[in-house]
Amino acid sequence: MTFLNTRAPAGHKLCIHLRAKEMYYTQVILPAHDDSLLKAGELDRNHYWCLKTCRPLGPGNVPLSMDACGPDRECYVTERPST
């Protein structure tokens, strides 16, 4: 599973700045088609951090989650800018 191609429970793509430790090891363990962690809600109970702030709060000191970091936030980005 690649998390940047995964959709949050609310339906939007994940922000490229959102991180959780599972994003680093489950891709190795789980087959690409296995989204059982998302279905079980496991990732939504975990500790998140934002690459923009390097804290568990996003810009504006707003808490992070898969659903909270969506299109309604000014800092939300789904693709890296081309150089």
PDB file of N, CA and C in Angstrom:
ATOM      1  N   MET A   1       0.848  -1.165   0.000  1.00  0.00           N
ATOM      2  CA  MET A   1       0.000   0.000   0.000  1.00  0.00           C
ATOM      3  C   MET A   1       0.898   1.233   0.000  1.00  0.00           C
ATOM      4  N   THR A   2       0.667   2.150  -0.866  1.00  0.00           N
ATOM      5  CA  THR A   2       1.353   3.427  -0.802  1.00  0.00           C
ATOM      6  C   THR A   2       0.387   4.433  -0.223  1.00  0.00           C
ATOM      7  N   PHE A   3       0.770   5.044   0.848  1.00  0.00           N
ATOM      8  CA  PHE A   3      -0.151   5.907   1.569  1.00  0.00           C
ATOM      9  C   PHE A   3      -0.482   7.188   0.832  1.00  0.00           C
ATOM     10  N   LEU A   4       0.411   7.658  -0.037  1.00  0.00           N
ATOM     11  CA  LEU A   4       0.091   8.879  -0.766  1.00  0.00           C
ATOM     12  C   LEU A   4      -0.987   8.642  -1.812  1.00  0.00           C
ATOM     13  N   ASN A   5      -1.237   7.398  -2.156  1.00  0.00           N
ATOM     14  CA  ASN A   5      -2.322   7.068  -3.080  1.00  0.00           C
ATOM     15  C   ASN A   5      -3.551   6.564  -2.343  1.00  0.00           C
ATOM     16  N   THR A   6      -3.511   6.613  -1.035  1.00  0.00           N
ATOM     17  CA  THR A   6      -4.601   6.138  -0.200  1.00  0.00           C
ATOM     18  C   THR A   6      -5.546   7.289   0.107  1.00  0.00           C
ATOM     19  N   ARG A   7      -6.798   6.968   0.263  1.00  0.00           N
ATOM     20  CA  ARG A   7      -7.784   7.994   0.618  1.00  0.00           C
ATOM     21  C   ARG A   7      -8.091   7.900   2.106  1.00  0.00           C
ATOM     22  N   ALA A   8      -8.308   9.052   2.703  1.00  0.00           N
ATOM     23  CA  ALA A   8      -8.716   9.125   4.103  1.00  0.00           C
ATOM     24  C   ALA A   8     -10.140   8.597   4.226  1.00  0.00           C
ATOM     25  N   PRO A   9     -10.558   8.208   5.431  1.00  0.00           N
ATOM     26  CA  PRO A   9     -11.937   7.748   5.598  1.00  0.00           C
ATOM     27  C   PRO A   9     -12.970   8.746   5.072  1.00  0.00           C
ATOM     28  N   ALA A  10     -12.660  10.043   5.094  1.00  0.00           N
ATOM     29  CA  ALA A  10     -13.596  11.057   4.585  1.00  0.00           C
ATOM     30  C   ALA A  10     -13.622  11.103   3.061  1.00  0.00           C
ATOM     31  N   GLY A  11     -12.684  10.410   2.395  1.00  0.00           N
ATOM     32  CA  GLY A  11     -12.713  10.311   0.939  1.00  0.00           C
ATOM     33  C   GLY A  11     -11.653  11.088   0.196  1.00  0.00           C
ATOM     34  N   HIS A  12     -10.955  12.012   0.842  1.00  0.00           N
ATOM     35  CA  HIS A  12      -9.928  12.786   0.147  1.00  0.00           C
ATOM     36  C   HIS A  12      -8.576  12.071   0.187  1.00  0.00           C
ATOM     37  N   LYS A  13      -7.687  12.438  -0.744  1.00  0.00           N
ATOM     38  CA  LYS A  13      -6.332  11.896  -0.730  1.00  0.00           C
ATOM     39  C   LYS A  13      -5.593  12.436   0.486  1.00  0.00           C
ATOM     40  N   LEU A  14      -4.619  11.664   0.972  1.00  0.00           N
ATOM     41  CA  LEU A  14      -3.846  12.123   2.123  1.00  0.00           C
ATOM     42  C   LEU A  14      -2.918  13.260   1.732  1.00  0.00           C
ATOM     43  N   CYS A  15      -2.729  14.170   2.646  1.00  0.00           N
ATOM     44  CA  CYS A  15      -1.807  15.286   2.441  1.00  0.00           C
ATOM     45  C   CYS A  15      -0.378  14.744   2.443  1.00  0.00           C
ATOM     46  N   ILE A  16       0.475  15.274   1.587  1.00  0.00           N
ATOM     47  CA  ILE A  16       1.852  14.779   1.511  1.00  0.00           C
ATOM     48  C   ILE A  16       2.660  15.168   2.749  1.00  0.00           C
ATOM     49  N   HIS A  17       2.167  16.064   3.569  1.00  0.00           N
ATOM     50  CA  HIS A  17       2.878  16.483   4.774  1.00  0.00           C
ATOM     51  C   HIS A  17       2.506  15.638   5.992  1.00  0.00           C
ATOM     52  N   LEU A  18       1.438  14.867   5.917  1.00  0.00           N
ATOM     53  CA  LEU A  18       0.970  14.058   7.045  1.00  0.00           C
ATOM     54  C   LEU A  18       1.810  12.791   7.169  1.00  0.00           C
ATOM     55  N   ARG A  19       2.251  12.470   8.388  1.00  0.00           N
ATOM     56  CA  ARG A  19       3.046  11.267   8.626  1.00  0.00           C
ATOM     57  C   ARG A  19       2.580  10.545   9.875  1.00  0.00           C
ATOM     58  N   ALA A  20       2.728   9.202   9.844  1.00  0.00           N
ATOM     59  CA  ALA A  20       2.540   8.312  10.991  1.00  0.00           C
ATOM     60  C   ALA A  20       3.572   7.218  10.835  1.00  0.00           C
ATOM     61  N   LYS A  21       4.029   6.643  11.930  1.00  0.00           N
ATOM     62  CA  LYS A  21       5.103   5.656  11.817  1.00  0.00           C
ATOM     63  C   LYS A  21       4.712   4.460  10.951  1.00  0.00           C
ATOM     64  N   GLU A  22       3.442   4.102  10.926  1.00  0.00           N
ATOM     65  CA  GLU A  22       2.999   2.974  10.099  1.00  0.00           C
ATOM     66  C   GLU A  22       3.248   3.207   8.615  1.00  0.00           C
ATOM     67  N   MET A  23       3.344   4.447   8.210  1.00  0.00           N
ATOM     68  CA  MET A  23       3.602   4.757   6.805  1.00  0.00           C
ATOM     69  C   MET A  23       4.994   4.316   6.370  1.00  0.00           C
ATOM     70  N   TYR A  24       5.864   4.040   7.339  1.00  0.00           N
ATOM     71  CA  TYR A  24       7.232   3.656   7.020  1.00  0.00           C
ATOM     72  C   TYR A  24       7.453   2.148   7.037  1.00  0.00           C
ATOM     73  N   TYR A  25       6.651   1.401   7.796  1.00  0.00           N
ATOM     74  CA  TYR A  25       6.901  -0.030   7.834  1.00  0.00           C
ATOM     75  C   TYR A  25       5.796  -0.898   7.264  1.00  0.00           C
ATOM     76  N   THR A  26       4.569  -0.460   7.175  1.00  0.00           N
ATOM     77  CA  THR A  26       3.514  -1.331   6.666  1.00  0.00           C
ATOM     78  C   THR A  26       3.608  -1.550   5.166  1.00  0.00           C
ATOM     79  N   GLN A  27       4.243  -0.646   4.435  1.00  0.00           N
ATOM     80  CA  GLN A  27       4.385  -0.845   2.996  1.00  0.00           C
ATOM     81  C   GLN A  27       5.253  -2.061   2.707  1.00  0.00           C
ATOM     82  N   VAL A  28       6.164  -2.367   3.611  1.00  0.00           N
ATOM     83  CA  VAL A  28       7.040  -3.524   3.435  1.00  0.00           C
ATOM     84  C   VAL A  28       6.299  -4.796   3.813  1.00  0.00           C
ATOM     85  N   ILE A  29       5.448  -4.730   4.832  1.00  0.00           N
ATOM     86  CA  ILE A  29       4.762  -5.909   5.357  1.00  0.00           C
ATOM     87  C   ILE A  29       3.506  -6.263   4.567  1.00  0.00           C
ATOM     88  N   LEU A  30       2.710  -5.274   4.232  1.00  0.00           N
ATOM     89  CA  LEU A  30       1.422  -5.515   3.596  1.00  0.00           C
ATOM     90  C   LEU A  30       1.519  -5.507   2.076  1.00  0.00           C
ATOM     91  N   PRO A  31       0.797  -6.381   1.408  1.00  0.00           N
ATOM     92  CA  PRO A  31       0.741  -6.318  -0.054  1.00  0.00           C
ATOM     93  C   PRO A  31       0.129  -4.990  -0.503  1.00  0.00           C
ATOM     94  N   ALA A  32       0.419  -4.607  -1.713  1.00  0.00           N
ATOM     95  CA  ALA A  32      -0.024  -3.307  -2.235  1.00  0.00           C
ATOM     96  C   ALA A  32      -1.543  -3.154  -2.209  1.00  0.00           C
ATOM     97  N   HIS A  33      -2.290  -4.241  -2.312  1.00  0.00           N
ATOM     98  CA  HIS A  33      -3.748  -4.143  -2.358  1.00  0.00           C
ATOM     99  C   HIS A  33      -4.399  -4.239  -0.980  1.00  0.00           C
ATOM    100  N   ASP A  34      -3.607  -4.446   0.068  1.00  0.00           N
ATOM    101  CA  ASP A  34      -4.162  -4.667   1.406  1.00  0.00           C
ATOM    102  C   ASP A  34      -4.357  -3.337   2.126  1.00  0.00           C
ATOM    103  N   ASP A  35      -5.598  -2.950   2.327  1.00  0.00           N
ATOM    104  CA  ASP A  35      -5.867  -1.725   3.070  1.00  0.00           C
ATOM    105  C   ASP A  35      -6.554  -2.052   4.396  1.00  0.00           C
ATOM    106  N   SER A  36      -6.222  -3.225   4.974  1.00  0.00           N
ATOM    107  CA  SER A  36      -6.884  -3.676   6.187  1.00  0.00           C
ATOM    108  C   SER A  36      -6.649  -2.735   7.362  1.00  0.00           C
ATOM    109  N   LEU A  37      -5.497  -2.068   7.429  1.00  0.00           N
ATOM    110  CA  LEU A  37      -5.272  -1.119   8.518  1.00  0.00           C
ATOM    111  C   LEU A  37      -6.231   0.056   8.418  1.00  0.00           C
ATOM    112  N   LEU A  38      -6.470   0.516   7.208  1.00  0.00           N
ATOM    113  CA  LEU A  38      -7.400   1.631   7.041  1.00  0.00           C
ATOM    114  C   LEU A  38      -8.823   1.198   7.348  1.00  0.00           C
ATOM    115  N   LYS A  39      -9.213   0.008   6.885  1.00  0.00           N
ATOM    116  CA  LYS A  39     -10.569  -0.473   7.134  1.00  0.00           C
ATOM    117  C   LYS A  39     -10.807  -0.667   8.622  1.00  0.00           C
ATOM    118  N   ALA A  40      -9.788  -1.146   9.323  1.00  0.00           N
ATOM    119  CA  ALA A  40      -9.935  -1.389  10.753  1.00  0.00           C
ATOM    120  C   ALA A  40      -9.817  -0.104  11.559  1.00  0.00           C
ATOM    121  N   GLY A  41      -9.434   0.982  10.902  1.00  0.00           N
ATOM    122  CA  GLY A  41      -9.284   2.254  11.598  1.00  0.00           C
ATOM    123  C   GLY A  41      -7.997   2.366  12.383  1.00  0.00           C
ATOM    124  N   GLU A  42      -7.067   1.436  12.170  1.00  0.00           N
ATOM    125  CA  GLU A  42      -5.829   1.432  12.935  1.00  0.00           C
ATOM    126  C   GLU A  42      -5.031   2.716  12.746  1.00  0.00           C
ATOM    127  N   LEU A  43      -4.904   3.188  11.526  1.00  0.00           N
ATOM    128  CA  LEU A  43      -4.091   4.372  11.296  1.00  0.00           C
ATOM    129  C   LEU A  43      -4.724   5.620  11.883  1.00  0.00           C
ATOM    130  N   ASP A  44      -6.021   5.649  12.014  1.00  0.00           N
ATOM    131  CA  ASP A  44      -6.665   6.854  12.527  1.00  0.00           C
ATOM    132  C   ASP A  44      -6.549   6.963  14.041  1.00  0.00           C
ATOM    133  N   ARG A  45      -6.039   5.940  14.708  1.00  0.00           N
ATOM    134  CA  ARG A  45      -5.856   6.003  16.160  1.00  0.00           C
ATOM    135  C   ARG A  45      -4.410   6.315  16.513  1.00  0.00           C
ATOM    136  N   ASN A  46      -3.557   6.516  15.538  1.00  0.00           N
ATOM    137  CA  ASN A  46      -2.136   6.675  15.786  1.00  0.00           C
ATOM    138  C   ASN A  46      -1.702   8.120  15.917  1.00  0.00           C
ATOM    139  N   HIS A  47      -0.480   8.253  16.352  1.00  0.00           N
ATOM    140  CA  HIS A  47       0.145   9.561  16.507  1.00  0.00           C
ATOM    141  C   HIS A  47       0.605  10.059  15.141  1.00  0.00           C
ATOM    142  N   TYR A  48       0.186  11.234  14.777  1.00  0.00           N
ATOM    143  CA  TYR A  48       0.569  11.844  13.512  1.00  0.00           C
ATOM    144  C   TYR A  48       1.485  13.026  13.754  1.00  0.00           C
ATOM    145  N   TRP A  49       2.269  13.370  12.756  1.00  0.00           N
ATOM    146  CA  TRP A  49       3.015  14.620  12.772  1.00  0.00           C
ATOM    147  C   TRP A  49       2.985  15.203  11.375  1.00  0.00           C
ATOM    148  N   CYS A  50       3.249  16.487  11.318  1.00  0.00           N
ATOM    149  CA  CYS A  50       3.215  17.225  10.064  1.00  0.00           C
ATOM    150  C   CYS A  50       4.646  17.555   9.657  1.00  0.00           C
ATOM    151  N   LEU A  51       4.996  17.313   8.407  1.00  0.00           N
ATOM    152  CA  LEU A  51       6.342  17.632   7.940  1.00  0.00           C
ATOM    153  C   LEU A  51       6.580  19.135   7.840  1.00  0.00           C
ATOM    154  N   LYS A  52       5.528  19.917   7.793  1.00  0.00           N
ATOM    155  CA  LYS A  52       5.696  21.378   7.748  1.00  0.00           C
ATOM    156  C   LYS A  52       6.039  21.941   9.125  1.00  0.00           C
ATOM    157  N   THR A  53       5.466  21.354  10.175  1.00  0.00           N
ATOM    158  CA  THR A  53       5.701  21.864  11.526  1.00  0.00           C
ATOM    159  C   THR A  53       6.621  20.970  12.337  1.00  0.00           C
ATOM    160  N   CYS A  54       6.773  19.711  11.919  1.00  0.00           N
ATOM    161  CA  CYS A  54       7.559  18.706  12.677  1.00  0.00           C
ATOM    162  C   CYS A  54       7.004  18.529  14.081  1.00  0.00           C
ATOM    163  N   ARG A  55       5.691  18.653  14.205  1.00  0.00           N
ATOM    164  CA  ARG A  55       4.996  18.517  15.477  1.00  0.00           C
ATOM    165  C   ARG A  55       3.694  17.761  15.250  1.00  0.00           C
ATOM    166  N   PRO A  56       3.052  17.332  16.339  1.00  0.00           N
ATOM    167  CA  PRO A  56       1.759  16.660  16.196  1.00  0.00           C
ATOM    168  C   PRO A  56       0.608  17.616  15.912  1.00  0.00           C
ATOM    169  N   LEU A  57       0.931  18.872  15.693  1.00  0.00           N
ATOM    170  CA  LEU A  57      -0.057  19.877  15.311  1.00  0.00           C
ATOM    171  C   LEU A  57       0.346  20.467  13.974  1.00  0.00           C
ATOM    172  N   GLY A  58      -0.627  20.731  13.145  1.00  0.00           N
ATOM    173  CA  GLY A  58      -0.342  21.333  11.854  1.00  0.00           C
ATOM    174  C   GLY A  58      -0.210  22.848  11.976  1.00  0.00           C
ATOM    175  N   PRO A  59      -0.013  23.535  10.855  1.00  0.00           N
ATOM    176  CA  PRO A  59       0.027  24.996  10.880  1.00  0.00           C
ATOM    177  C   PRO A  59      -1.225  25.548  11.559  1.00  0.00           C
ATOM    178  N   GLY A  60      -1.030  26.551  12.374  1.00  0.00           N
ATOM    179  CA  GLY A  60      -2.152  27.116  13.126  1.00  0.00           C
ATOM    180  C   GLY A  60      -2.448  26.345  14.399  1.00  0.00           C
ATOM    181  N   ASN A  61      -1.552  25.415  14.771  1.00  0.00           N
ATOM    182  CA  ASN A  61      -1.708  24.591  15.975  1.00  0.00           C
ATOM    183  C   ASN A  61      -3.002  23.781  15.982  1.00  0.00           C
ATOM    184  N   VAL A  62      -3.379  23.277  14.818  1.00  0.00           N
ATOM    185  CA  VAL A  62      -4.591  22.468  14.673  1.00  0.00           C
ATOM    186  C   VAL A  62      -4.199  20.988  14.724  1.00  0.00           C
ATOM    187  N   PRO A  63      -4.897  20.156  15.514  1.00  0.00           N
ATOM    188  CA  PRO A  63      -4.583  18.720  15.598  1.00  0.00           C
ATOM    189  C   PRO A  63      -4.655  18.034  14.239  1.00  0.00           C
ATOM    190  N   LEU A  64      -3.893  16.946  14.112  1.00  0.00           N
ATOM    191  CA  LEU A  64      -3.793  16.202  12.862  1.00  0.00           C
ATOM    192  C   LEU A  64      -4.536  14.879  12.917  1.00  0.00           C
ATOM    193  N   SER A  65      -5.055  14.460  11.791  1.00  0.00           N
ATOM    194  CA  SER A  65      -5.588  13.110  11.590  1.00  0.00           C
ATOM    195  C   SER A  65      -5.761  12.930  10.088  1.00  0.00           C
ATOM    196  N   MET A  66      -6.055  11.725   9.673  1.00  0.00           N
ATOM    197  CA  MET A  66      -6.259  11.479   8.246  1.00  0.00           C
ATOM    198  C   MET A  66      -7.410  12.314   7.707  1.00  0.00           C
ATOM    199  N   ASP A  67      -8.484  12.425   8.477  1.00  0.00           N
ATOM    200  CA  ASP A  67      -9.639  13.196   8.028  1.00  0.00           C
ATOM    201  C   ASP A  67      -9.440  14.697   8.204  1.00  0.00           C
ATOM    202  N   ALA A  68      -8.782  15.105   9.295  1.00  0.00           N
ATOM    203  CA  ALA A  68      -8.622  16.532   9.576  1.00  0.00           C
ATOM    204  C   ALA A  68      -7.699  17.228   8.588  1.00  0.00           C
ATOM    205  N   CYS A  69      -6.729  16.508   8.058  1.00  0.00           N
ATOM    206  CA  CYS A  69      -5.777  17.106   7.108  1.00  0.00           C
ATOM    207  C   CYS A  69      -6.312  16.941   5.693  1.00  0.00           C
ATOM    208  N   GLY A  70      -7.279  17.753   5.368  1.00  0.00           N
ATOM    209  CA  GLY A  70      -7.944  17.629   4.078  1.00  0.00           C
ATOM    210  C   GLY A  70      -8.036  18.935   3.325  1.00  0.00           C
ATOM    211  N   PRO A  71      -8.837  18.942   2.270  1.00  0.00           N
ATOM    212  CA  PRO A  71      -8.945  20.084   1.357  1.00  0.00           C
ATOM    213  C   PRO A  71      -9.368  21.397   2.012  1.00  0.00           C
ATOM    214  N   ASP A  72      -9.970  21.341   3.179  1.00  0.00           N
ATOM    215  CA  ASP A  72     -10.397  22.585   3.822  1.00  0.00           C
ATOM    216  C   ASP A  72      -9.249  23.316   4.516  1.00  0.00           C
ATOM    217  N   ARG A  73      -8.073  22.699   4.586  1.00  0.00           N
ATOM    218  CA  ARG A  73      -6.904  23.353   5.185  1.00  0.00           C
ATOM    219  C   ARG A  73      -6.059  24.032   4.115  1.00  0.00           C
ATOM    220  N   GLU A  74      -5.581  25.204   4.436  1.00  0.00           N
ATOM    221  CA  GLU A  74      -4.762  25.976   3.500  1.00  0.00           C
ATOM    222  C   GLU A  74      -3.443  25.266   3.167  1.00  0.00           C
ATOM    223  N   CYS A  75      -2.907  24.476   4.084  1.00  0.00           N
ATOM    224  CA  CYS A  75      -1.626  23.812   3.915  1.00  0.00           C
ATOM    225  C   CYS A  75      -1.747  22.462   3.189  1.00  0.00           C
ATOM    226  N   TYR A  76      -2.948  22.014   2.874  1.00  0.00           N
ATOM    227  CA  TYR A  76      -3.207  20.695   2.271  1.00  0.00           C
ATOM    228  C   TYR A  76      -2.622  20.617   0.861  1.00  0.00           C
ATOM    229  N   VAL A  77      -1.794  19.585   0.624  1.00  0.00           N
ATOM    230  CA  VAL A  77      -1.165  19.360  -0.676  1.00  0.00           C
ATOM    231  C   VAL A  77      -1.212  17.865  -0.957  1.00  0.00           C
ATOM    232  N   THR A  78      -1.597  17.476  -2.158  1.00  0.00           N
ATOM    233  CA  THR A  78      -1.650  16.050  -2.498  1.00  0.00           C
ATOM    234  C   THR A  78      -0.575  15.608  -3.464  1.00  0.00           C
ATOM    235  N   GLU A  79       0.095  16.538  -4.108  1.00  0.00           N
ATOM    236  CA  GLU A  79       1.159  16.175  -5.057  1.00  0.00           C
ATOM    237  C   GLU A  79       2.334  17.112  -4.893  1.00  0.00           C
ATOM    238  N   ARG A  80       3.514  16.560  -5.064  1.00  0.00           N
ATOM    239  CA  ARG A  80       4.725  17.387  -4.995  1.00  0.00           C
ATOM    240  C   ARG A  80       4.793  18.277  -6.239  1.00  0.00           C
ATOM    241  N   PRO A  81       5.188  19.532  -6.051  1.00  0.00           N
ATOM    242  CA  PRO A  81       5.301  20.412  -7.213  1.00  0.00           C
ATOM    243  C   PRO A  81       6.416  19.947  -8.144  1.00  0.00           C
ATOM    244  N   SER A  82       6.190  20.043  -9.426  1.00  0.00           N
ATOM    245  CA  SER A  82       7.235  19.650 -10.386  1.00  0.00           C
ATOM    246  C   SER A  82       8.290  20.745 -10.452  1.00  0.00           C
ATOM    247  N   THR A  83       9.525  20.307 -10.646  1.00  0.00           N
ATOM    248  CA  THR A  83      10.624  21.282 -10.688  1.00  0.00           C
ATOM    249  C   THR A  83      11.132  21.510 -12.080  1.00  0.00           C
TER     250      THR A  83
END
